[in-house]
Structure formats: C-alpha cells, structure tokens
Amino acid sequence: MLKAKVVKLFSISLLSVSAAHSVAAQDSNRNWVDFSDPTAVYSKAGLGAGTEGVDLYAALGGYLGGQFKHQLTLEAMHDLDYYNVNYFIFNTRNDTGFSLNTTWGDEYDKASIGALKKLTLEDKHIKIYPSMNLGMMWSDSIETTTYIEVDAAVRYSVNRAFWFGVTPSYTYAMKGIEIKELNATADVGYQLAKEIALSAHINNDGEAWADFTFAF
C-alpha cells in the first residue's frame, strides 16, 4: 500500500515537473525576439556607430487589438544630423504590414507610406520581406519630388541566434528631380540573449555601421 502511494506520488511529481518545463519552454519561445525580422514588433532601445557617426534609436511596440500589432520608432541619425519618425502596423494573420515613414533635417525632408509582406520559403531558414513605398521629398533647394521605392530584404537564419542577409532596393522619381537609384545593404547579426543583439551592416556607398539593440 505504501509502495503504491510512493509510486503514485512520484508519478504526479514527474508529471508536474514535465508540465512546468513545457510551460517554461513555451514562455522562452514566446519571449524570444527575432531581431532578424523587419516585421517583428517589440519595444527596444539601441545605439549604432559607424563611418557616418553615431545613431540613437528607440521604439515602443505592442498589440493594437485582435491580430494587429503596432510600433512607433524614433531615430537620431549620424551624430544627430537628422531624425526619422516611423509608424508600423502589422497583421499577424496574413503577415502583411503597413508603414508611415518620415525623415526630418536631412538634405531633403521626406514622407512615405508603404506596404510590406513577410514570405517564408520551403526552406524555413530563408525569409523574404518585399516592400513598396510611395513618397514625397522636398526642401528649399529642390523641386518637390514624388518617388516610389521597392526593396526586398532577404534573411537567412543559420540558427535562432545567428543570421545574415541582403537588402536590394530601387528608387525611381515619378515627378520632380530625376532619381534612378539601385542600392543594396548587406547585414549580419548575432543574438547574445533573448533580448540583446549585435548587428553589422555595409552598403554599396561604402558606409558601414554596427548596432547594439536591447528589447524590452
């Protein structure tokens, strides 16, 4: 009788430990931030530095309601030379996002609206994020210009912590000054912990920089 009670108690304890481990694993996966994903919505703060100076950035993100998430990002770029203010909303049901992007104090002020799609290939290590933005730029020195920008960020996740990729983009001015630009940025990142990451970037203009990001 005592032996049966001991076996029963041991079985219950084993099931409890197993259940707790499962819940902990689920919580860990839920809290793990995918820094490689341009559509990931989370709050963060970070510091960047490179050939163009120091960048500071912060974002506040979370659920908007239902299947929607949203994020507001503020960036002070190139030794506080200019500023970006961006708003992003993402539909988790169909992996589609919409954005409002603005730049102030640069050579030209800019504002654009855009749409972005998250595509996961058969090889789930590879993801593509095509996007298209319709925008306007203006300043005292140029004619007000409307443009369209198309890009497709490609990310390859070696594992949950290490990733690399490339982002080609093409900008075409439909009205105003003449712009026909093809650019590309190469990126690599490593996640030191579930909420801390380092990344490095270089573009075809020879600009290089690194970012340290902390999510919360």
N, C-alpha and C. Protein backbone atom coordinates (compact mmCIF):
# COMPACT_ATOMS: atom_id res chain seq x y z
N MET A 1 0.83 -1.20 0.00
CA MET A 1 0.00 0.00 0.00
C MET A 1 0.87 1.25 0.00
N LEU A 2 1.87 1.26 0.88
CA LEU A 2 2.80 2.39 0.95
C LEU A 2 3.57 2.54 -0.34
N LYS A 3 3.97 1.36 -0.90
CA LYS A 3 4.72 1.37 -2.15
C LYS A 3 3.88 1.98 -3.26
N ALA A 4 2.59 1.64 -3.30
CA ALA A 4 1.70 2.17 -4.34
C ALA A 4 1.56 3.68 -4.20
N LYS A 5 1.45 4.18 -2.95
CA LYS A 5 1.34 5.63 -2.73
C LYS A 5 2.60 6.35 -3.17
N VAL A 6 3.78 5.72 -2.88
CA VAL A 6 5.05 6.33 -3.28
C VAL A 6 5.14 6.42 -4.80
N VAL A 7 4.77 5.33 -5.48
CA VAL A 7 4.80 5.31 -6.95
C VAL A 7 3.86 6.37 -7.51
N LYS A 8 2.65 6.47 -6.90
CA LYS A 8 1.67 7.46 -7.36
C LYS A 8 2.19 8.88 -7.15
N LEU A 9 2.80 9.13 -5.97
CA LEU A 9 3.34 10.46 -5.68
C LEU A 9 4.48 10.79 -6.62
N PHE A 10 5.34 9.81 -6.90
CA PHE A 10 6.46 10.03 -7.82
C PHE A 10 5.95 10.34 -9.23
N SER A 11 4.89 9.65 -9.66
CA SER A 11 4.32 9.88 -10.98
C SER A 11 3.74 11.29 -11.10
N ILE A 12 3.01 11.72 -10.04
CA ILE A 12 2.44 13.07 -10.04
C ILE A 12 3.54 14.12 -10.08
N SER A 13 4.60 13.89 -9.29
CA SER A 13 5.72 14.84 -9.26
C SER A 13 6.39 14.93 -10.62
N LEU A 14 6.58 13.78 -11.27
CA LEU A 14 7.23 13.73 -12.58
C LEU A 14 6.39 14.49 -13.62
N LEU A 15 5.07 14.27 -13.57
CA LEU A 15 4.17 14.97 -14.49
C LEU A 15 4.20 16.47 -14.24
N SER A 16 4.27 16.89 -12.97
CA SER A 16 4.30 18.31 -12.62
C SER A 16 5.57 18.97 -13.14
N VAL A 17 6.70 18.28 -12.94
CA VAL A 17 7.98 18.82 -13.44
C VAL A 17 7.96 18.92 -14.96
N SER A 18 7.43 17.88 -15.59
CA SER A 18 7.35 17.88 -17.06
C SER A 18 6.48 19.02 -17.57
N ALA A 19 5.33 19.22 -16.91
CA ALA A 19 4.43 20.30 -17.31
C ALA A 19 5.08 21.66 -17.10
N ALA A 20 5.76 21.83 -15.98
CA ALA A 20 6.43 23.10 -15.70
C ALA A 20 7.52 23.39 -16.73
N HIS A 21 8.27 22.34 -17.09
CA HIS A 21 9.32 22.51 -18.10
C HIS A 21 8.72 22.90 -19.44
N SER A 22 7.58 22.28 -19.78
CA SER A 22 6.92 22.60 -21.05
C SER A 22 6.45 24.05 -21.07
N VAL A 23 5.84 24.51 -19.97
CA VAL A 23 5.38 25.90 -19.88
C VAL A 23 6.55 26.86 -19.97
N ALA A 24 7.66 26.53 -19.28
CA ALA A 24 8.84 27.39 -19.31
C ALA A 24 9.41 27.49 -20.71
N ALA A 25 9.43 26.35 -21.41
CA ALA A 25 9.94 26.35 -22.79
C ALA A 25 9.06 27.20 -23.69
N GLN A 26 7.74 27.10 -23.49
CA GLN A 26 6.81 27.91 -24.29
C GLN A 26 7.00 29.39 -23.99
N ASP A 27 7.18 29.74 -22.70
CA ASP A 27 7.41 31.14 -22.33
C ASP A 27 8.70 31.66 -22.94
N SER A 28 9.76 30.79 -22.93
CA SER A 28 11.04 31.20 -23.51
C SER A 28 10.89 31.49 -24.98
N ASN A 29 10.18 30.59 -25.71
CA ASN A 29 9.98 30.80 -27.14
C ASN A 29 9.13 32.04 -27.39
N ARG A 30 8.14 32.29 -26.51
CA ARG A 30 7.25 33.42 -26.69
C ARG A 30 8.01 34.73 -26.49
N ASN A 31 8.96 34.75 -25.55
CA ASN A 31 9.68 35.97 -25.23
C ASN A 31 10.89 36.20 -26.12
N TRP A 32 11.30 35.21 -26.90
CA TRP A 32 12.48 35.33 -27.74
C TRP A 32 12.17 36.28 -28.89
N VAL A 33 12.94 37.35 -29.00
CA VAL A 33 12.75 38.36 -30.03
C VAL A 33 13.56 37.98 -31.26
N ASP A 34 12.94 37.98 -32.44
CA ASP A 34 13.64 37.69 -33.69
C ASP A 34 14.16 39.00 -34.26
N PHE A 35 15.41 39.34 -33.96
CA PHE A 35 15.98 40.61 -34.39
C PHE A 35 16.22 40.65 -35.90
N SER A 36 16.24 39.50 -36.55
CA SER A 36 16.47 39.48 -38.00
C SER A 36 15.23 39.86 -38.79
N ASP A 37 14.06 39.85 -38.14
CA ASP A 37 12.78 40.01 -38.82
C ASP A 37 12.35 41.49 -38.86
N PRO A 38 12.32 42.11 -40.04
CA PRO A 38 11.89 43.51 -40.13
C PRO A 38 10.43 43.73 -39.73
N THR A 39 9.63 42.65 -39.67
CA THR A 39 8.23 42.80 -39.29
C THR A 39 8.00 42.51 -37.80
N ALA A 40 9.03 42.12 -37.06
CA ALA A 40 8.86 41.83 -35.64
C ALA A 40 8.53 43.11 -34.88
N VAL A 41 7.52 43.06 -34.05
CA VAL A 41 7.06 44.23 -33.30
C VAL A 41 7.40 44.05 -31.82
N TYR A 42 8.21 44.97 -31.28
CA TYR A 42 8.59 44.91 -29.88
C TYR A 42 9.14 46.28 -29.47
N SER A 43 9.24 46.51 -28.19
CA SER A 43 9.85 47.75 -27.69
C SER A 43 11.35 47.54 -27.59
N LYS A 44 12.11 48.59 -27.89
CA LYS A 44 13.56 48.44 -27.91
C LYS A 44 14.24 49.79 -27.73
N ALA A 45 15.53 49.74 -27.42
CA ALA A 45 16.40 50.91 -27.42
C ALA A 45 17.75 50.44 -27.92
N GLY A 46 18.47 51.34 -28.60
CA GLY A 46 19.73 50.90 -29.16
C GLY A 46 20.66 52.03 -29.52
N LEU A 47 21.90 51.63 -29.83
CA LEU A 47 22.96 52.54 -30.18
C LEU A 47 23.69 51.98 -31.39
N GLY A 48 23.94 52.85 -32.38
CA GLY A 48 24.69 52.45 -33.55
C GLY A 48 25.87 53.37 -33.76
N ALA A 49 26.92 52.86 -34.41
CA ALA A 49 28.10 53.68 -34.69
C ALA A 49 28.77 53.15 -35.95
N GLY A 50 29.31 54.09 -36.76
CA GLY A 50 29.96 53.67 -37.98
C GLY A 50 30.64 54.82 -38.68
N THR A 51 30.83 54.67 -39.97
CA THR A 51 31.56 55.66 -40.75
C THR A 51 30.84 57.00 -40.83
N GLU A 52 29.52 57.01 -40.61
CA GLU A 52 28.74 58.25 -40.71
C GLU A 52 28.43 58.87 -39.34
N GLY A 53 28.96 58.27 -38.28
CA GLY A 53 28.73 58.84 -36.95
C GLY A 53 27.91 57.91 -36.06
N VAL A 54 27.34 58.48 -35.02
CA VAL A 54 26.60 57.72 -34.02
C VAL A 54 25.10 57.86 -34.25
N ASP A 55 24.37 56.74 -34.08
CA ASP A 55 22.91 56.71 -34.19
C ASP A 55 22.32 56.32 -32.84
N LEU A 56 21.21 56.94 -32.49
CA LEU A 56 20.43 56.55 -31.31
C LEU A 56 19.02 56.23 -31.77
N TYR A 57 18.42 55.18 -31.21
CA TYR A 57 17.06 54.84 -31.63
C TYR A 57 16.31 54.15 -30.50
N ALA A 58 14.99 54.30 -30.56
CA ALA A 58 14.12 53.67 -29.58
C ALA A 58 12.77 53.42 -30.23
N ALA A 59 12.08 52.39 -29.77
CA ALA A 59 10.77 52.05 -30.32
C ALA A 59 9.87 51.55 -29.20
N LEU A 60 8.59 51.83 -29.37
CA LEU A 60 7.57 51.33 -28.45
C LEU A 60 6.59 50.51 -29.27
N GLY A 61 6.51 49.22 -28.97
CA GLY A 61 5.65 48.34 -29.76
C GLY A 61 4.80 47.45 -28.88
N GLY A 62 3.69 46.96 -29.45
CA GLY A 62 2.82 46.05 -28.72
C GLY A 62 1.57 45.77 -29.52
N TYR A 63 0.61 45.10 -28.88
CA TYR A 63 -0.64 44.74 -29.55
C TYR A 63 -1.55 45.95 -29.68
N LEU A 64 -2.12 46.10 -30.86
CA LEU A 64 -3.09 47.16 -31.10
C LEU A 64 -4.50 46.65 -30.83
N GLY A 65 -4.72 45.35 -31.11
CA GLY A 65 -6.03 44.74 -30.93
C GLY A 65 -6.22 43.62 -31.93
N GLY A 66 -6.84 42.52 -31.50
CA GLY A 66 -7.05 41.39 -32.40
C GLY A 66 -5.73 40.83 -32.90
N GLN A 67 -5.61 40.70 -34.23
CA GLN A 67 -4.40 40.16 -34.81
C GLN A 67 -3.38 41.23 -35.16
N PHE A 68 -3.64 42.48 -34.76
CA PHE A 68 -2.79 43.59 -35.16
C PHE A 68 -1.79 43.99 -34.06
N LYS A 69 -0.55 44.25 -34.48
CA LYS A 69 0.48 44.82 -33.63
C LYS A 69 0.89 46.16 -34.23
N HIS A 70 1.47 47.04 -33.42
CA HIS A 70 1.96 48.29 -33.97
C HIS A 70 3.20 48.74 -33.22
N GLN A 71 3.96 49.64 -33.89
CA GLN A 71 5.24 50.08 -33.34
C GLN A 71 5.54 51.51 -33.80
N LEU A 72 5.96 52.35 -32.86
CA LEU A 72 6.40 53.70 -33.15
C LEU A 72 7.90 53.77 -32.89
N THR A 73 8.67 54.20 -33.91
CA THR A 73 10.13 54.22 -33.82
C THR A 73 10.66 55.64 -34.01
N LEU A 74 11.58 56.04 -33.14
CA LEU A 74 12.25 57.33 -33.23
C LEU A 74 13.75 57.08 -33.39
N GLU A 75 14.39 57.76 -34.36
CA GLU A 75 15.80 57.57 -34.62
C GLU A 75 16.50 58.92 -34.79
N ALA A 76 17.64 59.09 -34.12
CA ALA A 76 18.51 60.25 -34.32
C ALA A 76 19.76 59.74 -35.01
N MET A 77 20.00 60.19 -36.25
CA MET A 77 20.98 59.54 -37.11
C MET A 77 22.21 60.42 -37.34
N HIS A 78 23.35 59.73 -37.53
CA HIS A 78 24.60 60.37 -37.97
C HIS A 78 24.97 61.57 -37.11
N ASP A 79 25.25 61.28 -35.83
CA ASP A 79 25.61 62.33 -34.87
C ASP A 79 24.51 63.38 -34.74
N LEU A 80 23.26 62.90 -34.71
CA LEU A 80 22.07 63.75 -34.56
C LEU A 80 21.90 64.73 -35.72
N ASP A 81 22.39 64.35 -36.90
CA ASP A 81 22.31 65.21 -38.07
C ASP A 81 20.88 65.28 -38.62
N TYR A 82 20.15 64.17 -38.53
CA TYR A 82 18.76 64.18 -38.96
C TYR A 82 17.99 63.13 -38.16
N TYR A 83 16.64 63.13 -38.33
CA TYR A 83 15.77 62.31 -37.48
C TYR A 83 14.75 61.55 -38.33
N ASN A 84 14.47 60.33 -37.92
CA ASN A 84 13.42 59.52 -38.53
C ASN A 84 12.32 59.27 -37.50
N VAL A 85 11.08 59.42 -37.93
CA VAL A 85 9.92 59.06 -37.10
C VAL A 85 9.05 58.14 -37.95
N ASN A 86 8.91 56.90 -37.51
CA ASN A 86 8.21 55.89 -38.31
C ASN A 86 7.13 55.19 -37.49
N TYR A 87 6.03 54.87 -38.15
CA TYR A 87 4.95 54.11 -37.51
C TYR A 87 4.65 52.89 -38.37
N PHE A 88 4.50 51.73 -37.72
CA PHE A 88 4.32 50.46 -38.43
C PHE A 88 3.19 49.68 -37.78
N ILE A 89 2.30 49.14 -38.60
CA ILE A 89 1.22 48.28 -38.11
C ILE A 89 1.30 46.96 -38.87
N PHE A 90 1.16 45.84 -38.14
CA PHE A 90 1.38 44.52 -38.74
C PHE A 90 0.21 43.60 -38.42
N ASN A 91 -0.31 42.95 -39.48
CA ASN A 91 -1.39 41.98 -39.36
C ASN A 91 -0.78 40.59 -39.25
N THR A 92 -0.82 39.98 -38.07
CA THR A 92 -0.20 38.68 -37.85
C THR A 92 -0.95 37.54 -38.53
N ARG A 93 -2.19 37.79 -38.94
CA ARG A 93 -2.98 36.74 -39.58
C ARG A 93 -2.51 36.47 -41.01
N ASN A 94 -2.17 37.54 -41.74
CA ASN A 94 -1.73 37.34 -43.13
C ASN A 94 -0.31 37.83 -43.37
N ASP A 95 0.44 38.15 -42.29
CA ASP A 95 1.85 38.57 -42.38
C ASP A 95 2.05 39.75 -43.32
N THR A 96 1.18 40.75 -43.19
CA THR A 96 1.27 41.95 -44.02
C THR A 96 1.34 43.18 -43.11
N GLY A 97 2.20 44.13 -43.48
CA GLY A 97 2.36 45.33 -42.68
C GLY A 97 2.21 46.59 -43.50
N PHE A 98 1.89 47.68 -42.83
CA PHE A 98 1.78 48.99 -43.46
C PHE A 98 2.55 50.00 -42.61
N SER A 99 3.18 50.97 -43.27
CA SER A 99 4.05 51.89 -42.54
C SER A 99 3.87 53.33 -43.00
N LEU A 100 4.19 54.23 -42.08
CA LEU A 100 4.30 55.66 -42.37
C LEU A 100 5.70 56.06 -41.93
N ASN A 101 6.51 56.54 -42.88
CA ASN A 101 7.91 56.83 -42.61
C ASN A 101 8.21 58.30 -42.90
N THR A 102 8.91 58.97 -42.00
CA THR A 102 9.27 60.37 -42.20
C THR A 102 10.72 60.61 -41.82
N THR A 103 11.36 61.54 -42.52
CA THR A 103 12.73 61.97 -42.24
C THR A 103 12.76 63.48 -42.17
N TRP A 104 13.43 64.03 -41.13
CA TRP A 104 13.46 65.47 -40.91
C TRP A 104 14.89 65.94 -40.65
N GLY A 105 15.27 67.04 -41.32
CA GLY A 105 16.56 67.65 -41.07
C GLY A 105 17.70 67.13 -41.92
N ASP A 106 17.41 66.18 -42.81
CA ASP A 106 18.43 65.68 -43.73
C ASP A 106 18.55 66.65 -44.91
N GLU A 107 19.29 66.27 -45.94
CA GLU A 107 19.40 67.12 -47.13
C GLU A 107 18.02 67.45 -47.68
N TYR A 108 17.11 66.44 -47.64
CA TYR A 108 15.71 66.65 -48.02
C TYR A 108 14.84 66.09 -46.91
N ASP A 109 13.73 66.76 -46.61
CA ASP A 109 12.70 66.16 -45.76
C ASP A 109 11.89 65.18 -46.60
N LYS A 110 11.48 64.08 -45.99
CA LYS A 110 10.77 63.04 -46.74
C LYS A 110 9.61 62.47 -45.92
N ALA A 111 8.58 62.01 -46.63
CA ALA A 111 7.48 61.28 -46.01
C ALA A 111 6.99 60.23 -47.02
N SER A 112 6.69 59.04 -46.51
CA SER A 112 6.22 57.99 -47.41
C SER A 112 5.28 57.05 -46.67
N ILE A 113 4.43 56.39 -47.44
CA ILE A 113 3.59 55.31 -46.93
C ILE A 113 3.97 54.04 -47.67
N GLY A 114 3.88 52.91 -47.00
CA GLY A 114 4.34 51.69 -47.64
C GLY A 114 3.61 50.45 -47.17
N ALA A 115 3.81 49.37 -47.91
CA ALA A 115 3.26 48.06 -47.57
C ALA A 115 4.38 47.04 -47.62
N LEU A 116 4.33 46.08 -46.70
CA LEU A 116 5.39 45.08 -46.58
C LEU A 116 4.76 43.71 -46.36
N LYS A 117 5.37 42.68 -46.95
CA LYS A 117 4.87 41.31 -46.83
C LYS A 117 5.98 40.39 -46.33
N LYS A 118 5.65 39.50 -45.41
CA LYS A 118 6.60 38.51 -44.92
C LYS A 118 6.35 37.19 -45.64
N LEU A 119 7.37 36.67 -46.33
CA LEU A 119 7.26 35.42 -47.08
C LEU A 119 8.25 34.40 -46.52
N THR A 120 7.76 33.23 -46.13
CA THR A 120 8.61 32.15 -45.65
C THR A 120 8.69 31.09 -46.74
N LEU A 121 9.91 30.77 -47.18
CA LEU A 121 10.09 29.79 -48.25
C LEU A 121 10.00 28.37 -47.69
N GLU A 122 10.08 27.40 -48.62
CA GLU A 122 10.01 25.99 -48.20
C GLU A 122 11.13 25.67 -47.22
N ASP A 123 12.32 26.21 -47.50
CA ASP A 123 13.40 26.17 -46.52
C ASP A 123 13.12 27.26 -45.50
N LYS A 124 12.65 26.89 -44.33
CA LYS A 124 12.16 27.86 -43.37
C LYS A 124 13.28 28.72 -42.78
N HIS A 125 14.53 28.41 -43.11
CA HIS A 125 15.63 29.27 -42.68
C HIS A 125 15.65 30.58 -43.48
N ILE A 126 15.02 30.57 -44.67
CA ILE A 126 15.05 31.73 -45.55
C ILE A 126 13.71 32.44 -45.53
N LYS A 127 13.76 33.76 -45.33
CA LYS A 127 12.55 34.59 -45.38
C LYS A 127 12.83 35.82 -46.24
N ILE A 128 11.81 36.25 -46.96
CA ILE A 128 11.91 37.42 -47.83
C ILE A 128 10.84 38.42 -47.42
N TYR A 129 11.21 39.69 -47.41
CA TYR A 129 10.30 40.75 -46.97
C TYR A 129 10.21 41.82 -48.06
N PRO A 130 9.45 41.57 -49.13
CA PRO A 130 9.29 42.60 -50.17
C PRO A 130 8.44 43.75 -49.67
N SER A 131 8.79 44.97 -50.07
CA SER A 131 8.01 46.13 -49.67
C SER A 131 8.02 47.17 -50.79
N MET A 132 7.03 48.05 -50.75
CA MET A 132 6.94 49.14 -51.71
C MET A 132 6.46 50.38 -50.97
N ASN A 133 7.15 51.51 -51.22
CA ASN A 133 6.81 52.77 -50.57
C ASN A 133 6.56 53.84 -51.62
N LEU A 134 5.53 54.63 -51.39
CA LEU A 134 5.24 55.79 -52.23
C LEU A 134 5.50 57.02 -51.37
N GLY A 135 6.39 57.90 -51.87
CA GLY A 135 6.79 59.00 -51.01
C GLY A 135 6.95 60.33 -51.72
N MET A 136 7.26 61.33 -50.90
CA MET A 136 7.48 62.69 -51.38
C MET A 136 8.68 63.27 -50.63
N MET A 137 9.52 64.00 -51.35
CA MET A 137 10.65 64.70 -50.72
C MET A 137 10.62 66.16 -51.13
N TRP A 138 11.12 67.02 -50.23
CA TRP A 138 11.07 68.45 -50.51
C TRP A 138 12.14 69.17 -49.70
N SER A 139 12.52 70.33 -50.17
CA SER A 139 13.40 71.25 -49.45
C SER A 139 13.39 72.58 -50.20
N ASP A 140 14.06 73.59 -49.65
CA ASP A 140 14.12 74.89 -50.31
C ASP A 140 14.95 74.87 -51.57
N SER A 141 15.82 73.84 -51.71
CA SER A 141 16.77 73.82 -52.82
C SER A 141 16.34 72.93 -53.98
N ILE A 142 15.26 72.16 -53.83
CA ILE A 142 14.83 71.27 -54.92
C ILE A 142 13.33 71.42 -55.17
N GLU A 143 12.94 70.96 -56.34
CA GLU A 143 11.53 70.85 -56.66
C GLU A 143 10.92 69.70 -55.87
N THR A 144 9.71 69.89 -55.36
CA THR A 144 9.05 68.81 -54.64
C THR A 144 8.95 67.58 -55.54
N THR A 145 9.36 66.44 -55.01
CA THR A 145 9.53 65.24 -55.82
C THR A 145 8.73 64.08 -55.24
N THR A 146 7.98 63.39 -56.08
CA THR A 146 7.30 62.15 -55.68
C THR A 146 8.10 60.97 -56.22
N TYR A 147 8.17 59.92 -55.43
CA TYR A 147 9.01 58.78 -55.82
C TYR A 147 8.38 57.48 -55.34
N ILE A 148 8.86 56.40 -55.92
CA ILE A 148 8.47 55.06 -55.49
C ILE A 148 9.74 54.28 -55.18
N GLU A 149 9.71 53.55 -54.08
CA GLU A 149 10.88 52.76 -53.67
C GLU A 149 10.43 51.32 -53.44
N VAL A 150 11.15 50.39 -54.06
CA VAL A 150 10.85 48.97 -53.93
C VAL A 150 12.08 48.26 -53.38
N ASP A 151 11.91 47.46 -52.36
CA ASP A 151 13.04 46.67 -51.86
C ASP A 151 12.57 45.30 -51.41
N ALA A 152 13.53 44.42 -51.17
CA ALA A 152 13.21 43.04 -50.75
C ALA A 152 14.32 42.54 -49.84
N ALA A 153 14.12 42.71 -48.54
CA ALA A 153 15.09 42.19 -47.58
C ALA A 153 15.05 40.67 -47.58
N VAL A 154 16.21 40.04 -47.66
CA VAL A 154 16.32 38.57 -47.62
C VAL A 154 17.12 38.21 -46.38
N ARG A 155 16.59 37.29 -45.58
CA ARG A 155 17.25 36.88 -44.35
C ARG A 155 17.43 35.36 -44.33
N TYR A 156 18.63 34.93 -43.95
CA TYR A 156 18.91 33.50 -43.75
C TYR A 156 19.29 33.30 -42.29
N SER A 157 18.51 32.50 -41.58
CA SER A 157 18.78 32.22 -40.17
C SER A 157 19.57 30.91 -40.07
N VAL A 158 20.83 31.01 -39.71
CA VAL A 158 21.65 29.81 -39.53
C VAL A 158 21.10 29.00 -38.36
N ASN A 159 20.76 29.71 -37.29
CA ASN A 159 20.07 29.13 -36.14
C ASN A 159 19.28 30.27 -35.49
N ARG A 160 18.77 30.04 -34.31
CA ARG A 160 17.93 31.05 -33.68
C ARG A 160 18.72 32.31 -33.33
N ALA A 161 20.05 32.18 -33.17
CA ALA A 161 20.86 33.32 -32.72
C ALA A 161 21.59 34.04 -33.85
N PHE A 162 21.97 33.32 -34.92
CA PHE A 162 22.86 33.90 -35.94
C PHE A 162 22.14 33.98 -37.28
N TRP A 163 22.24 35.14 -37.93
CA TRP A 163 21.58 35.33 -39.22
C TRP A 163 22.40 36.28 -40.09
N PHE A 164 22.15 36.23 -41.39
CA PHE A 164 22.74 37.20 -42.31
C PHE A 164 21.79 37.40 -43.47
N GLY A 165 22.03 38.46 -44.25
CA GLY A 165 21.13 38.73 -45.36
C GLY A 165 21.57 39.90 -46.20
N VAL A 166 20.72 40.27 -47.15
CA VAL A 166 20.98 41.40 -48.03
C VAL A 166 19.66 42.09 -48.35
N THR A 167 19.71 43.40 -48.55
CA THR A 167 18.51 44.16 -48.88
C THR A 167 18.77 45.02 -50.13
N PRO A 168 18.38 44.53 -51.31
CA PRO A 168 18.47 45.38 -52.51
C PRO A 168 17.26 46.32 -52.58
N SER A 169 17.46 47.51 -53.12
CA SER A 169 16.36 48.47 -53.24
C SER A 169 16.53 49.29 -54.52
N TYR A 170 15.40 49.74 -55.05
CA TYR A 170 15.41 50.59 -56.24
C TYR A 170 14.47 51.77 -56.00
N THR A 171 14.97 52.98 -56.27
CA THR A 171 14.18 54.20 -56.09
C THR A 171 14.03 54.91 -57.43
N TYR A 172 12.80 55.27 -57.74
CA TYR A 172 12.52 55.94 -59.02
C TYR A 172 11.62 57.15 -58.76
N ALA A 173 12.06 58.33 -59.22
CA ALA A 173 11.27 59.55 -59.06
C ALA A 173 10.30 59.68 -60.23
N MET A 174 9.02 59.84 -59.92
CA MET A 174 7.99 59.96 -60.94
C MET A 174 7.77 61.40 -61.35
N LYS A 175 8.08 62.32 -60.44
CA LYS A 175 7.88 63.75 -60.72
C LYS A 175 8.86 64.54 -59.88
N GLY A 176 9.45 65.60 -60.47
CA GLY A 176 10.42 66.41 -59.74
C GLY A 176 11.82 66.14 -60.24
N ILE A 177 12.78 66.09 -59.31
CA ILE A 177 14.15 65.83 -59.71
C ILE A 177 14.30 64.40 -60.22
N GLU A 178 15.30 64.15 -61.02
CA GLU A 178 15.49 62.82 -61.60
C GLU A 178 16.22 61.91 -60.61
N ILE A 179 15.59 60.79 -60.30
CA ILE A 179 16.20 59.79 -59.42
C ILE A 179 15.97 58.40 -60.02
N LYS A 180 17.05 57.67 -60.26
CA LYS A 180 17.00 56.26 -60.65
C LYS A 180 18.17 55.59 -59.94
N GLU A 181 17.90 55.05 -58.77
CA GLU A 181 18.98 54.54 -57.93
C GLU A 181 18.74 53.08 -57.55
N LEU A 182 19.77 52.27 -57.75
CA LEU A 182 19.77 50.88 -57.32
C LEU A 182 20.80 50.74 -56.21
N ASN A 183 20.37 50.33 -55.04
CA ASN A 183 21.25 50.23 -53.87
C ASN A 183 21.10 48.87 -53.22
N ALA A 184 22.06 48.55 -52.35
CA ALA A 184 22.00 47.28 -51.61
C ALA A 184 22.75 47.42 -50.30
N THR A 185 22.24 46.73 -49.28
CA THR A 185 22.88 46.68 -47.97
C THR A 185 23.04 45.23 -47.55
N ALA A 186 24.23 44.86 -47.08
CA ALA A 186 24.48 43.52 -46.55
C ALA A 186 24.45 43.60 -45.02
N ASP A 187 23.84 42.61 -44.41
CA ASP A 187 23.61 42.63 -42.96
C ASP A 187 23.99 41.29 -42.34
N VAL A 188 24.47 41.33 -41.10
CA VAL A 188 24.73 40.13 -40.33
C VAL A 188 24.44 40.44 -38.87
N GLY A 189 23.88 39.47 -38.15
CA GLY A 189 23.52 39.72 -36.76
C GLY A 189 23.70 38.51 -35.88
N TYR A 190 23.95 38.75 -34.60
CA TYR A 190 24.08 37.67 -33.62
C TYR A 190 23.34 38.07 -32.36
N GLN A 191 22.50 37.16 -31.88
CA GLN A 191 21.68 37.41 -30.69
C GLN A 191 22.41 36.88 -29.46
N LEU A 192 22.88 37.80 -28.61
CA LEU A 192 23.63 37.42 -27.43
C LEU A 192 22.75 36.78 -26.37
N ALA A 193 21.49 37.23 -26.29
CA ALA A 193 20.50 36.70 -25.36
C ALA A 193 19.14 36.92 -25.99
N LYS A 194 18.07 36.49 -25.32
CA LYS A 194 16.76 36.58 -25.94
C LYS A 194 16.32 38.02 -26.18
N GLU A 195 16.95 38.98 -25.49
CA GLU A 195 16.56 40.39 -25.63
C GLU A 195 17.72 41.31 -26.01
N ILE A 196 18.89 40.75 -26.37
CA ILE A 196 20.06 41.56 -26.68
C ILE A 196 20.71 41.05 -27.96
N ALA A 197 21.05 41.97 -28.87
CA ALA A 197 21.64 41.55 -30.14
C ALA A 197 22.64 42.57 -30.65
N LEU A 198 23.59 42.07 -31.45
CA LEU A 198 24.54 42.89 -32.18
C LEU A 198 24.33 42.64 -33.67
N SER A 199 24.46 43.68 -34.48
CA SER A 199 24.37 43.52 -35.93
C SER A 199 25.33 44.46 -36.62
N ALA A 200 25.76 44.09 -37.84
CA ALA A 200 26.68 44.92 -38.61
C ALA A 200 26.15 45.04 -40.03
N HIS A 201 26.43 46.18 -40.67
CA HIS A 201 25.85 46.48 -41.98
C HIS A 201 26.87 47.22 -42.84
N ILE A 202 26.78 47.02 -44.16
CA ILE A 202 27.59 47.78 -45.11
C ILE A 202 26.78 47.93 -46.39
N ASN A 203 26.85 49.12 -47.01
CA ASN A 203 26.09 49.32 -48.23
C ASN A 203 27.01 49.61 -49.41
N ASN A 204 26.41 49.76 -50.60
CA ASN A 204 27.21 49.93 -51.82
C ASN A 204 27.88 51.29 -51.91
N ASP A 205 27.54 52.23 -51.01
CA ASP A 205 28.23 53.52 -50.96
C ASP A 205 29.46 53.47 -50.06
N GLY A 206 29.75 52.31 -49.49
CA GLY A 206 30.91 52.17 -48.61
C GLY A 206 30.64 52.57 -47.18
N GLU A 207 29.39 52.86 -46.84
CA GLU A 207 29.04 53.18 -45.46
C GLU A 207 28.93 51.89 -44.65
N ALA A 208 29.52 51.87 -43.47
CA ALA A 208 29.49 50.70 -42.60
C ALA A 208 29.14 51.13 -41.19
N TRP A 209 28.35 50.31 -40.50
CA TRP A 209 27.96 50.63 -39.13
C TRP A 209 27.56 49.36 -38.39
N ALA A 210 27.54 49.46 -37.07
CA ALA A 210 27.12 48.35 -36.21
C ALA A 210 26.09 48.86 -35.22
N ASP A 211 25.19 47.96 -34.81
CA ASP A 211 24.12 48.31 -33.87
C ASP A 211 24.13 47.38 -32.66
N PHE A 212 23.87 47.95 -31.50
CA PHE A 212 23.62 47.19 -30.28
C PHE A 212 22.20 47.48 -29.87
N THR A 213 21.37 46.44 -29.78
CA THR A 213 19.94 46.63 -29.51
C THR A 213 19.50 45.84 -28.29
N PHE A 214 18.73 46.49 -27.44
CA PHE A 214 18.14 45.85 -26.27
C PHE A 214 16.63 45.93 -26.36
N ALA A 215 15.97 44.79 -26.35
CA ALA A 215 14.50 44.74 -26.42
C ALA A 215 13.92 44.62 -25.01
N PHE A 216 12.72 45.17 -24.83
CA PHE A 216 12.08 45.08 -23.51
C PHE A 216 10.57 45.08 -23.66
